[in-house]
Amino acid sequence: MYKKVTILLIMLASTIAFAYGQSSYPPHGQGFPSQNPDPQTKVLKVYPNPASSQINFEVLNNNENAYEIIVYNFLGKRLDDLKNVSGTKQLDLSNYFSGIYIYQVRDQKGNLVESGKFNVIRQ
């Protein structure tokens, strides 16, 4: 009796898990929706990349929105916070080591608009 109940519970649990797992995926051939469906809607241009002494952050759209750009090292430590960037802003890299850095672009409400990375090369 114990074996029959155990087998029945395992079959029931696997059926529920299978049915639940199937519903979380899109139908075959449709794929997942991308997080950024239109890659042409970039807000920020970052150049030169890689950089050695300074890097430029240029806001591409001219809808007069000011953005906040936050720079992190690869370990997640916040290094710089550039507020009210609406045109081109230069960032001095003299205190940066060689490596990869992450930036986030946030709107005035604090919503994440874009993120990316840049590379600093020391010679």
PDB file of N, CA and C in Angstrom:
ATOM      1  N   MET A   1       0.821  -1.195   0.000  1.00  0.00           N
ATOM      2  CA  MET A   1       0.000   0.000   0.000  1.00  0.00           C
ATOM      3  C   MET A   1       0.869   1.266   0.000  1.00  0.00           C
ATOM      4  N   TYR A   2       1.932   1.257   0.822  1.00  0.00           N
ATOM      5  CA  TYR A   2       2.830   2.409   0.927  1.00  0.00           C
ATOM      6  C   TYR A   2       3.490   2.715  -0.406  1.00  0.00           C
ATOM      7  N   LYS A   3       3.911   1.658  -1.125  1.00  0.00           N
ATOM      8  CA  LYS A   3       4.563   1.846  -2.414  1.00  0.00           C
ATOM      9  C   LYS A   3       3.599   2.433  -3.438  1.00  0.00           C
ATOM     10  N   LYS A   4       2.358   1.993  -3.430  1.00  0.00           N
ATOM     11  CA  LYS A   4       1.367   2.499  -4.379  1.00  0.00           C
ATOM     12  C   LYS A   4       1.083   3.980  -4.155  1.00  0.00           C
ATOM     13  N   VAL A   5       0.965   4.386  -2.882  1.00  0.00           N
ATOM     14  CA  VAL A   5       0.705   5.792  -2.560  1.00  0.00           C
ATOM     15  C   VAL A   5       1.902   6.653  -2.939  1.00  0.00           C
ATOM     16  N   THR A   6       3.098   6.162  -2.665  1.00  0.00           N
ATOM     17  CA  THR A   6       4.315   6.905  -3.000  1.00  0.00           C
ATOM     18  C   THR A   6       4.420   7.094  -4.508  1.00  0.00           C
ATOM     19  N   ILE A   7       4.185   6.041  -5.271  1.00  0.00           N
ATOM     20  CA  ILE A   7       4.255   6.136  -6.731  1.00  0.00           C
ATOM     21  C   ILE A   7       3.187   7.082  -7.251  1.00  0.00           C
ATOM     22  N   LEU A   8       1.990   7.010  -6.695  1.00  0.00           N
ATOM     23  CA  LEU A   8       0.911   7.900  -7.107  1.00  0.00           C
ATOM     24  C   LEU A   8       1.259   9.360  -6.828  1.00  0.00           C
ATOM     25  N   LEU A   9       1.836   9.660  -5.673  1.00  0.00           N
ATOM     26  CA  LEU A   9       2.231  11.035  -5.338  1.00  0.00           C
ATOM     27  C   LEU A   9       3.354  11.527  -6.247  1.00  0.00           C
ATOM     28  N   ILE A  10       4.304  10.672  -6.568  1.00  0.00           N
ATOM     29  CA  ILE A  10       5.392  11.072  -7.470  1.00  0.00           C
ATOM     30  C   ILE A  10       4.840  11.368  -8.852  1.00  0.00           C
ATOM     31  N   MET A  11       3.929  10.533  -9.339  1.00  0.00           N
ATOM     32  CA  MET A  11       3.329  10.777 -10.649  1.00  0.00           C
ATOM     33  C   MET A  11       2.526  12.072 -10.653  1.00  0.00           C
ATOM     34  N   LEU A  12       1.792  12.323  -9.603  1.00  0.00           N
ATOM     35  CA  LEU A  12       1.003  13.546  -9.502  1.00  0.00           C
ATOM     36  C   LEU A  12       1.905  14.778  -9.451  1.00  0.00           C
ATOM     37  N   ALA A  13       2.958  14.713  -8.654  1.00  0.00           N
ATOM     38  CA  ALA A  13       3.880  15.854  -8.535  1.00  0.00           C
ATOM     39  C   ALA A  13       4.596  16.119  -9.851  1.00  0.00           C
ATOM     40  N   SER A  14       5.020  15.075 -10.551  1.00  0.00           N
ATOM     41  CA  SER A  14       5.714  15.282 -11.822  1.00  0.00           C
ATOM     42  C   SER A  14       4.766  15.818 -12.886  1.00  0.00           C
ATOM     43  N   THR A  15       3.505  15.395 -12.859  1.00  0.00           N
ATOM     44  CA  THR A  15       2.525  15.919 -13.808  1.00  0.00           C
ATOM     45  C   THR A  15       2.272  17.401 -13.575  1.00  0.00           C
ATOM     46  N   ILE A  16       2.132  17.780 -12.316  1.00  0.00           N
ATOM     47  CA  ILE A  16       1.918  19.189 -11.992  1.00  0.00           C
ATOM     48  C   ILE A  16       3.142  20.017 -12.367  1.00  0.00           C
ATOM     49  N   ALA A  17       4.341  19.526 -12.053  1.00  0.00           N
ATOM     50  CA  ALA A  17       5.567  20.252 -12.385  1.00  0.00           C
ATOM     51  C   ALA A  17       5.722  20.387 -13.888  1.00  0.00           C
ATOM     52  N   PHE A  18       5.411  19.340 -14.634  1.00  0.00           N
ATOM     53  CA  PHE A  18       5.521  19.391 -16.087  1.00  0.00           C
ATOM     54  C   PHE A  18       4.535  20.390 -16.679  1.00  0.00           C
ATOM     55  N   ALA A  19       3.298  20.363 -16.201  1.00  0.00           N
ATOM     56  CA  ALA A  19       2.273  21.281 -16.704  1.00  0.00           C
ATOM     57  C   ALA A  19       2.625  22.721 -16.368  1.00  0.00           C
ATOM     58  N   TYR A  20       3.141  22.948 -15.168  1.00  0.00           N
ATOM     59  CA  TYR A  20       3.522  24.301 -14.769  1.00  0.00           C
ATOM     60  C   TYR A  20       4.712  24.781 -15.568  1.00  0.00           C
ATOM     61  N   GLY A  21       5.669  23.909 -15.786  1.00  0.00           N
ATOM     62  CA  GLY A  21       6.860  24.277 -16.557  1.00  0.00           C
ATOM     63  C   GLY A  21       6.541  24.588 -17.997  1.00  0.00           C
ATOM     64  N   GLN A  22       5.595  23.881 -18.589  1.00  0.00           N
ATOM     65  CA  GLN A  22       5.234  24.117 -19.972  1.00  0.00           C
ATOM     66  C   GLN A  22       4.562  25.467 -20.153  1.00  0.00           C
ATOM     67  N   SER A  23       3.810  25.916 -19.167  1.00  0.00           N
ATOM     68  CA  SER A  23       3.074  27.169 -19.320  1.00  0.00           C
ATOM     69  C   SER A  23       3.973  28.393 -19.198  1.00  0.00           C
ATOM     70  N   SER A  24       5.197  28.236 -18.692  1.00  0.00           N
ATOM     71  CA  SER A  24       6.063  29.394 -18.511  1.00  0.00           C
ATOM     72  C   SER A  24       6.888  29.703 -19.755  1.00  0.00           C
ATOM     73  N   TYR A  25       6.808  28.863 -20.784  1.00  0.00           N
ATOM     74  CA  TYR A  25       7.559  29.082 -22.004  1.00  0.00           C
ATOM     75  C   TYR A  25       6.618  29.500 -23.115  1.00  0.00           C
ATOM     76  N   PRO A  26       7.111  30.295 -24.065  1.00  0.00           N
ATOM     77  CA  PRO A  26       6.261  30.664 -25.196  1.00  0.00           C
ATOM     78  C   PRO A  26       6.056  29.466 -26.116  1.00  0.00           C
ATOM     79  N   PRO A  27       5.017  29.490 -26.938  1.00  0.00           N
ATOM     80  CA  PRO A  27       4.794  28.395 -27.882  1.00  0.00           C
ATOM     81  C   PRO A  27       5.993  28.209 -28.804  1.00  0.00           C
ATOM     82  N   HIS A  28       6.165  27.008 -29.293  1.00  0.00           N
ATOM     83  CA  HIS A  28       7.312  26.672 -30.129  1.00  0.00           C
ATOM     84  C   HIS A  28       7.412  27.613 -31.327  1.00  0.00           C
ATOM     85  N   GLY A  29       8.614  28.126 -31.567  1.00  0.00           N
ATOM     86  CA  GLY A  29       8.856  28.982 -32.720  1.00  0.00           C
ATOM     87  C   GLY A  29       8.646  30.462 -32.465  1.00  0.00           C
ATOM     88  N   GLN A  30       8.050  30.833 -31.354  1.00  0.00           N
ATOM     89  CA  GLN A  30       7.803  32.244 -31.112  1.00  0.00           C
ATOM     90  C   GLN A  30       8.951  32.909 -30.367  1.00  0.00           C
ATOM     91  N   GLY A  31       9.690  32.180 -29.562  1.00  0.00           N
ATOM     92  CA  GLY A  31      10.826  32.742 -28.847  1.00  0.00           C
ATOM     93  C   GLY A  31      10.394  33.690 -27.756  1.00  0.00           C
ATOM     94  N   PHE A  32      11.358  34.125 -26.989  1.00  0.00           N
ATOM     95  CA  PHE A  32      11.095  35.076 -25.916  1.00  0.00           C
ATOM     96  C   PHE A  32      11.142  36.484 -26.458  1.00  0.00           C
ATOM     97  N   PRO A  33      10.307  37.380 -25.937  1.00  0.00           N
ATOM     98  CA  PRO A  33      10.409  38.775 -26.367  1.00  0.00           C
ATOM     99  C   PRO A  33      11.714  39.360 -25.859  1.00  0.00           C
ATOM    100  N   SER A  34      12.377  40.147 -26.687  1.00  0.00           N
ATOM    101  CA  SER A  34      13.650  40.731 -26.266  1.00  0.00           C
ATOM    102  C   SER A  34      13.398  41.889 -25.308  1.00  0.00           C
ATOM    103  N   GLN A  35      14.394  42.168 -24.482  1.00  0.00           N
ATOM    104  CA  GLN A  35      14.254  43.243 -23.513  1.00  0.00           C
ATOM    105  C   GLN A  35      14.302  44.604 -24.208  1.00  0.00           C
ATOM    106  N   ASN A  36      15.070  44.707 -25.262  1.00  0.00           N
ATOM    107  CA  ASN A  36      15.165  45.945 -26.021  1.00  0.00           C
ATOM    108  C   ASN A  36      14.780  45.619 -27.464  1.00  0.00           C
ATOM    109  N   PRO A  37      13.489  45.694 -27.817  1.00  0.00           N
ATOM    110  CA  PRO A  37      13.052  45.267 -29.130  1.00  0.00           C
ATOM    111  C   PRO A  37      13.606  46.104 -30.271  1.00  0.00           C
ATOM    112  N   ASP A  38      13.920  47.365 -30.049  1.00  0.00           N
ATOM    113  CA  ASP A  38      14.440  48.226 -31.103  1.00  0.00           C
ATOM    114  C   ASP A  38      15.809  48.742 -30.695  1.00  0.00           C
ATOM    115  N   PRO A  39      16.892  48.116 -31.187  1.00  0.00           N
ATOM    116  CA  PRO A  39      18.217  48.553 -30.767  1.00  0.00           C
ATOM    117  C   PRO A  39      18.589  49.942 -31.285  1.00  0.00           C
ATOM    118  N   GLN A  40      17.780  50.513 -32.159  1.00  0.00           N
ATOM    119  CA  GLN A  40      18.065  51.842 -32.694  1.00  0.00           C
ATOM    120  C   GLN A  40      17.684  52.955 -31.720  1.00  0.00           C
ATOM    121  N   THR A  41      17.057  52.630 -30.604  1.00  0.00           N
ATOM    122  CA  THR A  41      16.603  53.645 -29.672  1.00  0.00           C
ATOM    123  C   THR A  41      17.611  53.879 -28.552  1.00  0.00           C
ATOM    124  N   LYS A  42      18.882  53.857 -28.875  1.00  0.00           N
ATOM    125  CA  LYS A  42      19.908  54.111 -27.877  1.00  0.00           C
ATOM    126  C   LYS A  42      19.832  55.562 -27.427  1.00  0.00           C
ATOM    127  N   VAL A  43      20.059  55.761 -26.156  1.00  0.00           N
ATOM    128  CA  VAL A  43      19.997  57.088 -25.568  1.00  0.00           C
ATOM    129  C   VAL A  43      21.377  57.712 -25.496  1.00  0.00           C
ATOM    130  N   LEU A  44      22.403  56.886 -25.345  1.00  0.00           N
ATOM    131  CA  LEU A  44      23.738  57.382 -25.036  1.00  0.00           C
ATOM    132  C   LEU A  44      24.768  56.821 -26.000  1.00  0.00           C
ATOM    133  N   LYS A  45      25.685  57.690 -26.408  1.00  0.00           N
ATOM    134  CA  LYS A  45      26.840  57.270 -27.192  1.00  0.00           C
ATOM    135  C   LYS A  45      28.066  57.446 -26.303  1.00  0.00           C
ATOM    136  N   VAL A  46      28.878  56.383 -26.201  1.00  0.00           N
ATOM    137  CA  VAL A  46      30.060  56.402 -25.341  1.00  0.00           C
ATOM    138  C   VAL A  46      31.287  56.252 -26.228  1.00  0.00           C
ATOM    139  N   TYR A  47      32.208  57.218 -26.147  1.00  0.00           N
ATOM    140  CA  TYR A  47      33.406  57.177 -26.983  1.00  0.00           C
ATOM    141  C   TYR A  47      34.538  57.947 -26.317  1.00  0.00           C
ATOM    142  N   PRO A  48      35.787  57.672 -26.602  1.00  0.00           N
ATOM    143  CA  PRO A  48      36.297  56.499 -27.314  1.00  0.00           C
ATOM    144  C   PRO A  48      36.226  55.276 -26.416  1.00  0.00           C
ATOM    145  N   ASN A  49      36.062  54.150 -27.004  1.00  0.00           N
ATOM    146  CA  ASN A  49      35.999  52.910 -26.242  1.00  0.00           C
ATOM    147  C   ASN A  49      36.813  51.860 -26.974  1.00  0.00           C
ATOM    148  N   PRO A  50      37.946  51.468 -26.449  1.00  0.00           N
ATOM    149  CA  PRO A  50      38.521  51.698 -25.125  1.00  0.00           C
ATOM    150  C   PRO A  50      39.085  53.106 -24.987  1.00  0.00           C
ATOM    151  N   ALA A  51      39.208  53.545 -23.749  1.00  0.00           N
ATOM    152  CA  ALA A  51      39.698  54.884 -23.440  1.00  0.00           C
ATOM    153  C   ALA A  51      40.902  54.784 -22.519  1.00  0.00           C
ATOM    154  N   SER A  52      41.693  55.862 -22.475  1.00  0.00           N
ATOM    155  CA  SER A  52      42.858  55.854 -21.581  1.00  0.00           C
ATOM    156  C   SER A  52      42.845  57.026 -20.605  1.00  0.00           C
ATOM    157  N   SER A  53      42.461  58.216 -21.047  1.00  0.00           N
ATOM    158  CA  SER A  53      42.520  59.373 -20.148  1.00  0.00           C
ATOM    159  C   SER A  53      41.155  59.982 -19.852  1.00  0.00           C
ATOM    160  N   GLN A  54      40.247  59.941 -20.827  1.00  0.00           N
ATOM    161  CA  GLN A  54      38.893  60.452 -20.612  1.00  0.00           C
ATOM    162  C   GLN A  54      37.934  59.725 -21.530  1.00  0.00           C
ATOM    163  N   ILE A  55      36.665  59.757 -21.142  1.00  0.00           N
ATOM    164  CA  ILE A  55      35.621  59.146 -21.960  1.00  0.00           C
ATOM    165  C   ILE A  55      34.468  60.136 -22.055  1.00  0.00           C
ATOM    166  N   ASN A  56      33.786  60.127 -23.186  1.00  0.00           N
ATOM    167  CA  ASN A  56      32.678  61.047 -23.429  1.00  0.00           C
ATOM    168  C   ASN A  56      31.356  60.294 -23.412  1.00  0.00           C
ATOM    169  N   PHE A  57      30.388  60.866 -22.720  1.00  0.00           N
ATOM    170  CA  PHE A  57      29.015  60.371 -22.725  1.00  0.00           C
ATOM    171  C   PHE A  57      28.179  61.412 -23.450  1.00  0.00           C
ATOM    172  N   GLU A  58      27.605  61.031 -24.580  1.00  0.00           N
ATOM    173  CA  GLU A  58      26.811  61.971 -25.384  1.00  0.00           C
ATOM    174  C   GLU A  58      25.369  61.490 -25.457  1.00  0.00           C
ATOM    175  N   VAL A  59      24.444  62.322 -25.007  1.00  0.00           N
ATOM    176  CA  VAL A  59      23.017  62.004 -25.088  1.00  0.00           C
ATOM    177  C   VAL A  59      22.584  62.215 -26.532  1.00  0.00           C
ATOM    178  N   LEU A  60      22.008  61.176 -27.139  1.00  0.00           N
ATOM    179  CA  LEU A  60      21.684  61.214 -28.565  1.00  0.00           C
ATOM    180  C   LEU A  60      20.359  61.875 -28.883  1.00  0.00           C
ATOM    181  N   ASN A  61      19.334  61.650 -28.071  1.00  0.00           N
ATOM    182  CA  ASN A  61      18.036  62.234 -28.396  1.00  0.00           C
ATOM    183  C   ASN A  61      17.963  63.657 -27.851  1.00  0.00           C
ATOM    184  N   ASN A  62      17.355  64.509 -28.620  1.00  0.00           N
ATOM    185  CA  ASN A  62      17.282  65.924 -28.241  1.00  0.00           C
ATOM    186  C   ASN A  62      15.904  66.286 -27.713  1.00  0.00           C
ATOM    187  N   ASN A  63      15.354  65.449 -26.832  1.00  0.00           N
ATOM    188  CA  ASN A  63      14.048  65.769 -26.264  1.00  0.00           C
ATOM    189  C   ASN A  63      14.190  66.518 -24.946  1.00  0.00           C
ATOM    190  N   GLU A  64      15.350  67.065 -24.709  1.00  0.00           N
ATOM    191  CA  GLU A  64      15.653  67.922 -23.553  1.00  0.00           C
ATOM    192  C   GLU A  64      15.456  67.227 -22.218  1.00  0.00           C
ATOM    193  N   ASN A  65      15.610  65.910 -22.188  1.00  0.00           N
ATOM    194  CA  ASN A  65      15.604  65.188 -20.920  1.00  0.00           C
ATOM    195  C   ASN A  65      17.010  65.162 -20.359  1.00  0.00           C
ATOM    196  N   ALA A  66      17.121  65.326 -19.070  1.00  0.00           N
ATOM    197  CA  ALA A  66      18.410  65.194 -18.403  1.00  0.00           C
ATOM    198  C   ALA A  66      18.473  63.807 -17.787  1.00  0.00           C
ATOM    199  N   TYR A  67      19.626  63.183 -17.882  1.00  0.00           N
ATOM    200  CA  TYR A  67      19.808  61.826 -17.388  1.00  0.00           C
ATOM    201  C   TYR A  67      20.887  61.801 -16.318  1.00  0.00           C
ATOM    202  N   GLU A  68      20.843  60.750 -15.521  1.00  0.00           N
ATOM    203  CA  GLU A  68      21.879  60.485 -14.538  1.00  0.00           C
ATOM    204  C   GLU A  68      22.676  59.293 -15.042  1.00  0.00           C
ATOM    205  N   ILE A  69      24.002  59.409 -15.049  1.00  0.00           N
ATOM    206  CA  ILE A  69      24.871  58.320 -15.474  1.00  0.00           C
ATOM    207  C   ILE A  69      25.670  57.872 -14.259  1.00  0.00           C
ATOM    208  N   ILE A  70      25.530  56.598 -13.926  1.00  0.00           N
ATOM    209  CA  ILE A  70      26.222  56.026 -12.779  1.00  0.00           C
ATOM    210  C   ILE A  70      27.244  55.029 -13.306  1.00  0.00           C
ATOM    211  N   VAL A  71      28.489  55.168 -12.845  1.00  0.00           N
ATOM    212  CA  VAL A  71      29.573  54.292 -13.287  1.00  0.00           C
ATOM    213  C   VAL A  71      29.967  53.375 -12.136  1.00  0.00           C
ATOM    214  N   TYR A  72      30.058  52.076 -12.447  1.00  0.00           N
ATOM    215  CA  TYR A  72      30.446  51.055 -11.472  1.00  0.00           C
ATOM    216  C   TYR A  72      31.691  50.332 -11.974  1.00  0.00           C
ATOM    217  N   ASN A  73      32.507  49.848 -11.027  1.00  0.00           N
ATOM    218  CA  ASN A  73      33.568  48.941 -11.454  1.00  0.00           C
ATOM    219  C   ASN A  73      32.958  47.567 -11.651  1.00  0.00           C
ATOM    220  N   PHE A  74      33.772  46.602 -12.070  1.00  0.00           N
ATOM    221  CA  PHE A  74      33.229  45.289 -12.412  1.00  0.00           C
ATOM    222  C   PHE A  74      32.790  44.509 -11.180  1.00  0.00           C
ATOM    223  N   LEU A  75      33.178  44.970  -9.994  1.00  0.00           N
ATOM    224  CA  LEU A  75      32.749  44.326  -8.760  1.00  0.00           C
ATOM    225  C   LEU A  75      31.456  44.924  -8.213  1.00  0.00           C
ATOM    226  N   GLY A  76      30.945  45.984  -8.862  1.00  0.00           N
ATOM    227  CA  GLY A  76      29.683  46.583  -8.460  1.00  0.00           C
ATOM    228  C   GLY A  76      29.814  47.796  -7.561  1.00  0.00           C
ATOM    229  N   LYS A  77      31.038  48.273  -7.336  1.00  0.00           N
ATOM    230  CA  LYS A  77      31.233  49.462  -6.501  1.00  0.00           C
ATOM    231  C   LYS A  77      30.964  50.713  -7.326  1.00  0.00           C
ATOM    232  N   ARG A  78      30.148  51.616  -6.788  1.00  0.00           N
ATOM    233  CA  ARG A  78      29.824  52.864  -7.478  1.00  0.00           C
ATOM    234  C   ARG A  78      31.033  53.787  -7.434  1.00  0.00           C
ATOM    235  N   LEU A  79      31.462  54.238  -8.608  1.00  0.00           N
ATOM    236  CA  LEU A  79      32.641  55.090  -8.687  1.00  0.00           C
ATOM    237  C   LEU A  79      32.304  56.546  -8.980  1.00  0.00           C
ATOM    238  N   ASP A  80      31.379  56.779  -9.899  1.00  0.00           N
ATOM    239  CA  ASP A  80      31.001  58.141 -10.281  1.00  0.00           C
ATOM    240  C   ASP A  80      29.503  58.225 -10.486  1.00  0.00           C
ATOM    241  N   ASP A  81      28.992  59.426 -10.262  1.00  0.00           N
ATOM    242  CA  ASP A  81      27.574  59.694 -10.445  1.00  0.00           C
ATOM    243  C   ASP A  81      27.461  61.040 -11.141  1.00  0.00           C
ATOM    244  N   LEU A  82      27.144  61.014 -12.429  1.00  0.00           N
ATOM    245  CA  LEU A  82      27.029  62.237 -13.220  1.00  0.00           C
ATOM    246  C   LEU A  82      25.559  62.608 -13.300  1.00  0.00           C
ATOM    247  N   LYS A  83      25.201  63.753 -12.760  1.00  0.00           N
ATOM    248  CA  LYS A  83      23.794  64.166 -12.707  1.00  0.00           C
ATOM    249  C   LYS A  83      23.504  65.206 -13.785  1.00  0.00           C
ATOM    250  N   ASN A  84      22.254  65.233 -14.231  1.00  0.00           N
ATOM    251  CA  ASN A  84      21.740  66.210 -15.192  1.00  0.00           C
ATOM    252  C   ASN A  84      22.568  66.277 -16.469  1.00  0.00           C
ATOM    253  N   VAL A  85      22.833  65.134 -17.057  1.00  0.00           N
ATOM    254  CA  VAL A  85      23.564  65.069 -18.320  1.00  0.00           C
ATOM    255  C   VAL A  85      22.553  65.194 -19.443  1.00  0.00           C
ATOM    256  N   SER A  86      22.699  66.232 -20.264  1.00  0.00           N
ATOM    257  CA  SER A  86      21.764  66.419 -21.372  1.00  0.00           C
ATOM    258  C   SER A  86      22.479  66.611 -22.702  1.00  0.00           C
ATOM    259  N   GLY A  87      23.730  66.925 -22.698  1.00  0.00           N
ATOM    260  CA  GLY A  87      24.496  67.071 -23.938  1.00  0.00           C
ATOM    261  C   GLY A  87      25.628  66.064 -23.949  1.00  0.00           C
ATOM    262  N   THR A  88      26.847  66.577 -23.961  1.00  0.00           N
ATOM    263  CA  THR A  88      28.031  65.724 -23.891  1.00  0.00           C
ATOM    264  C   THR A  88      28.746  65.992 -22.581  1.00  0.00           C
ATOM    265  N   LYS A  89      29.078  64.939 -21.888  1.00  0.00           N
ATOM    266  CA  LYS A  89      29.772  65.045 -20.599  1.00  0.00           C
ATOM    267  C   LYS A  89      31.045  64.227 -20.675  1.00  0.00           C
ATOM    268  N   GLN A  90      32.188  64.853 -20.303  1.00  0.00           N
ATOM    269  CA  GLN A  90      33.462  64.143 -20.272  1.00  0.00           C
ATOM    270  C   GLN A  90      33.747  63.666 -18.865  1.00  0.00           C
ATOM    271  N   LEU A  91      34.258  62.447 -18.774  1.00  0.00           N
ATOM    272  CA  LEU A  91      34.610  61.857 -17.490  1.00  0.00           C
ATOM    273  C   LEU A  91      36.114  61.622 -17.478  1.00  0.00           C
ATOM    274  N   ASP A  92      36.785  62.204 -16.489  1.00  0.00           N
ATOM    275  CA  ASP A  92      38.231  62.039 -16.330  1.00  0.00           C
ATOM    276  C   ASP A  92      38.512  60.650 -15.768  1.00  0.00           C
ATOM    277  N   LEU A  93      39.394  59.912 -16.410  1.00  0.00           N
ATOM    278  CA  LEU A  93      39.696  58.539 -16.020  1.00  0.00           C
ATOM    279  C   LEU A  93      41.047  58.410 -15.318  1.00  0.00           C
ATOM    280  N   SER A  94      41.579  59.509 -14.787  1.00  0.00           N
ATOM    281  CA  SER A  94      42.901  59.449 -14.161  1.00  0.00           C
ATOM    282  C   SER A  94      42.916  58.598 -12.896  1.00  0.00           C
ATOM    283  N   ASN A  95      41.780  58.454 -12.210  1.00  0.00           N
ATOM    284  CA  ASN A  95      41.712  57.630 -11.005  1.00  0.00           C
ATOM    285  C   ASN A  95      41.219  56.211 -11.285  1.00  0.00           C
ATOM    286  N   TYR A  96      41.045  55.858 -12.536  1.00  0.00           N
ATOM    287  CA  TYR A  96      40.553  54.542 -12.920  1.00  0.00           C
ATOM    288  C   TYR A  96      41.727  53.628 -13.277  1.00  0.00           C
ATOM    289  N   PHE A  97      41.620  52.382 -12.875  1.00  0.00           N
ATOM    290  CA  PHE A  97      42.599  51.379 -13.263  1.00  0.00           C
ATOM    291  C   PHE A  97      42.194  50.780 -14.602  1.00  0.00           C
ATOM    292  N   SER A  98      43.098  50.053 -15.236  1.00  0.00           N
ATOM    293  CA  SER A  98      42.753  49.332 -16.458  1.00  0.00           C
ATOM    294  C   SER A  98      41.697  48.292 -16.136  1.00  0.00           C
ATOM    295  N   GLY A  99      40.711  48.179 -17.006  1.00  0.00           N
ATOM    296  CA  GLY A  99      39.664  47.181 -16.793  1.00  0.00           C
ATOM    297  C   GLY A  99      38.361  47.586 -17.429  1.00  0.00           C
ATOM    298  N   ILE A 100      37.343  46.809 -17.129  1.00  0.00           N
ATOM    299  CA  ILE A 100      36.006  47.019 -17.686  1.00  0.00           C
ATOM    300  C   ILE A 100      35.135  47.692 -16.631  1.00  0.00           C
ATOM    301  N   TYR A 101      34.381  48.693 -17.060  1.00  0.00           N
ATOM    302  CA  TYR A 101      33.489  49.439 -16.178  1.00  0.00           C
ATOM    303  C   TYR A 101      32.083  49.414 -16.764  1.00  0.00           C
ATOM    304  N   ILE A 102      31.103  49.419 -15.874  1.00  0.00           N
ATOM    305  CA  ILE A 102      29.693  49.362 -16.251  1.00  0.00           C
ATOM    306  C   ILE A 102      29.073  50.731 -16.000  1.00  0.00           C
ATOM    307  N   TYR A 103      28.205  51.174 -16.911  1.00  0.00           N
ATOM    308  CA  TYR A 103      27.463  52.417 -16.671  1.00  0.00           C
ATOM    309  C   TYR A 103      25.968  52.141 -16.796  1.00  0.00           C
ATOM    310  N   GLN A 104      25.210  52.916 -16.047  1.00  0.00           N
ATOM    311  CA  GLN A 104      23.755  52.888 -16.123  1.00  0.00           C
ATOM    312  C   GLN A 104      23.266  54.300 -16.424  1.00  0.00           C
ATOM    313  N   VAL A 105      22.279  54.386 -17.283  1.00  0.00           N
ATOM    314  CA  VAL A 105      21.635  55.659 -17.593  1.00  0.00           C
ATOM    315  C   VAL A 105      20.248  55.609 -16.973  1.00  0.00           C
ATOM    316  N   ARG A 106      19.959  56.571 -16.129  1.00  0.00           N
ATOM    317  CA  ARG A 106      18.655  56.627 -15.459  1.00  0.00           C
ATOM    318  C   ARG A 106      17.979  57.957 -15.788  1.00  0.00           C
ATOM    319  N   ASP A 107      16.649  57.915 -15.919  1.00  0.00           N
ATOM    320  CA  ASP A 107      15.906  59.145 -16.181  1.00  0.00           C
ATOM    321  C   ASP A 107      15.689  59.909 -14.875  1.00  0.00           C
ATOM    322  N   GLN A 108      14.950  61.011 -14.949  1.00  0.00           N
ATOM    323  CA  GLN A 108      14.765  61.878 -13.784  1.00  0.00           C
ATOM    324  C   GLN A 108      13.950  61.212 -12.684  1.00  0.00           C
ATOM    325  N   LYS A 109      13.180  60.173 -13.028  1.00  0.00           N
ATOM    326  CA  LYS A 109      12.404  59.439 -12.026  1.00  0.00           C
ATOM    327  C   LYS A 109      13.201  58.293 -11.407  1.00  0.00           C
ATOM    328  N   GLY A 110      14.402  58.044 -11.922  1.00  0.00           N
ATOM    329  CA  GLY A 110      15.234  56.967 -11.402  1.00  0.00           C
ATOM    330  C   GLY A 110      15.074  55.652 -12.133  1.00  0.00           C
ATOM    331  N   ASN A 111      14.291  55.635 -13.219  1.00  0.00           N
ATOM    332  CA  ASN A 111      14.091  54.406 -13.994  1.00  0.00           C
ATOM    333  C   ASN A 111      15.311  54.129 -14.864  1.00  0.00           C
ATOM    334  N   LEU A 112      15.706  52.869 -14.950  1.00  0.00           N
ATOM    335  CA  LEU A 112      16.828  52.470 -15.788  1.00  0.00           C
ATOM    336  C   LEU A 112      16.433  52.590 -17.252  1.00  0.00           C
ATOM    337  N   VAL A 113      17.186  53.386 -18.007  1.00  0.00           N
ATOM    338  CA  VAL A 113      16.897  53.606 -19.412  1.00  0.00           C
ATOM    339  C   VAL A 113      17.817  52.770 -20.288  1.00  0.00           C
ATOM    340  N   GLU A 114      19.082  52.678 -19.898  1.00  0.00           N
ATOM    341  CA  GLU A 114      20.071  51.975 -20.699  1.00  0.00           C
ATOM    342  C   GLU A 114      21.249  51.614 -19.812  1.00  0.00           C
ATOM    343  N   SER A 115      21.981  50.602 -20.203  1.00  0.00           N
ATOM    344  CA  SER A 115      23.219  50.264 -19.512  1.00  0.00           C
ATOM    345  C   SER A 115      24.214  49.772 -20.539  1.00  0.00           C
ATOM    346  N   GLY A 116      25.472  49.810 -20.166  1.00  0.00           N
ATOM    347  CA  GLY A 116      26.518  49.373 -21.084  1.00  0.00           C
ATOM    348  C   GLY A 116      27.833  49.261 -20.356  1.00  0.00           C
ATOM    349  N   LYS A 117      28.890  49.101 -21.124  1.00  0.00           N
ATOM    350  CA  LYS A 117      30.207  48.970 -20.522  1.00  0.00           C
ATOM    351  C   LYS A 117      31.227  49.708 -21.373  1.00  0.00           C
ATOM    352  N   PHE A 118      32.327  50.050 -20.742  1.00  0.00           N
ATOM    353  CA  PHE A 118      33.458  50.618 -21.463  1.00  0.00           C
ATOM    354  C   PHE A 118      34.734  50.067 -20.851  1.00  0.00           C
ATOM    355  N   ASN A 119      35.804  50.186 -21.622  1.00  0.00           N
ATOM    356  CA  ASN A 119      37.071  49.615 -21.228  1.00  0.00           C
ATOM    357  C   ASN A 119      38.099  50.732 -21.053  1.00  0.00           C
ATOM    358  N   VAL A 120      38.859  50.652 -19.963  1.00  0.00           N
ATOM    359  CA  VAL A 120      39.948  51.601 -19.716  1.00  0.00           C
ATOM    360  C   VAL A 120      41.254  50.841 -19.894  1.00  0.00           C
ATOM    361  N   ILE A 121      42.135  51.407 -20.716  1.00  0.00           N
ATOM    362  CA  ILE A 121      43.438  50.792 -20.988  1.00  0.00           C
ATOM    363  C   ILE A 121      44.531  51.766 -20.563  1.00  0.00           C
ATOM    364  N   ARG A 122      45.386  51.325 -19.688  1.00  0.00           N
ATOM    365  CA  ARG A 122      46.551  52.107 -19.271  1.00  0.00           C
ATOM    366  C   ARG A 122      47.780  51.584 -19.981  1.00  0.00           C
ATOM    367  N   GLN A 123      48.685  52.504 -20.340  1.00  0.00           N
ATOM    368  CA  GLN A 123      49.894  52.094 -21.066  1.00  0.00           C
ATOM    369  C   GLN A 123      51.134  52.259 -20.224  1.00  0.00           C
TER     370      GLN A 123
END
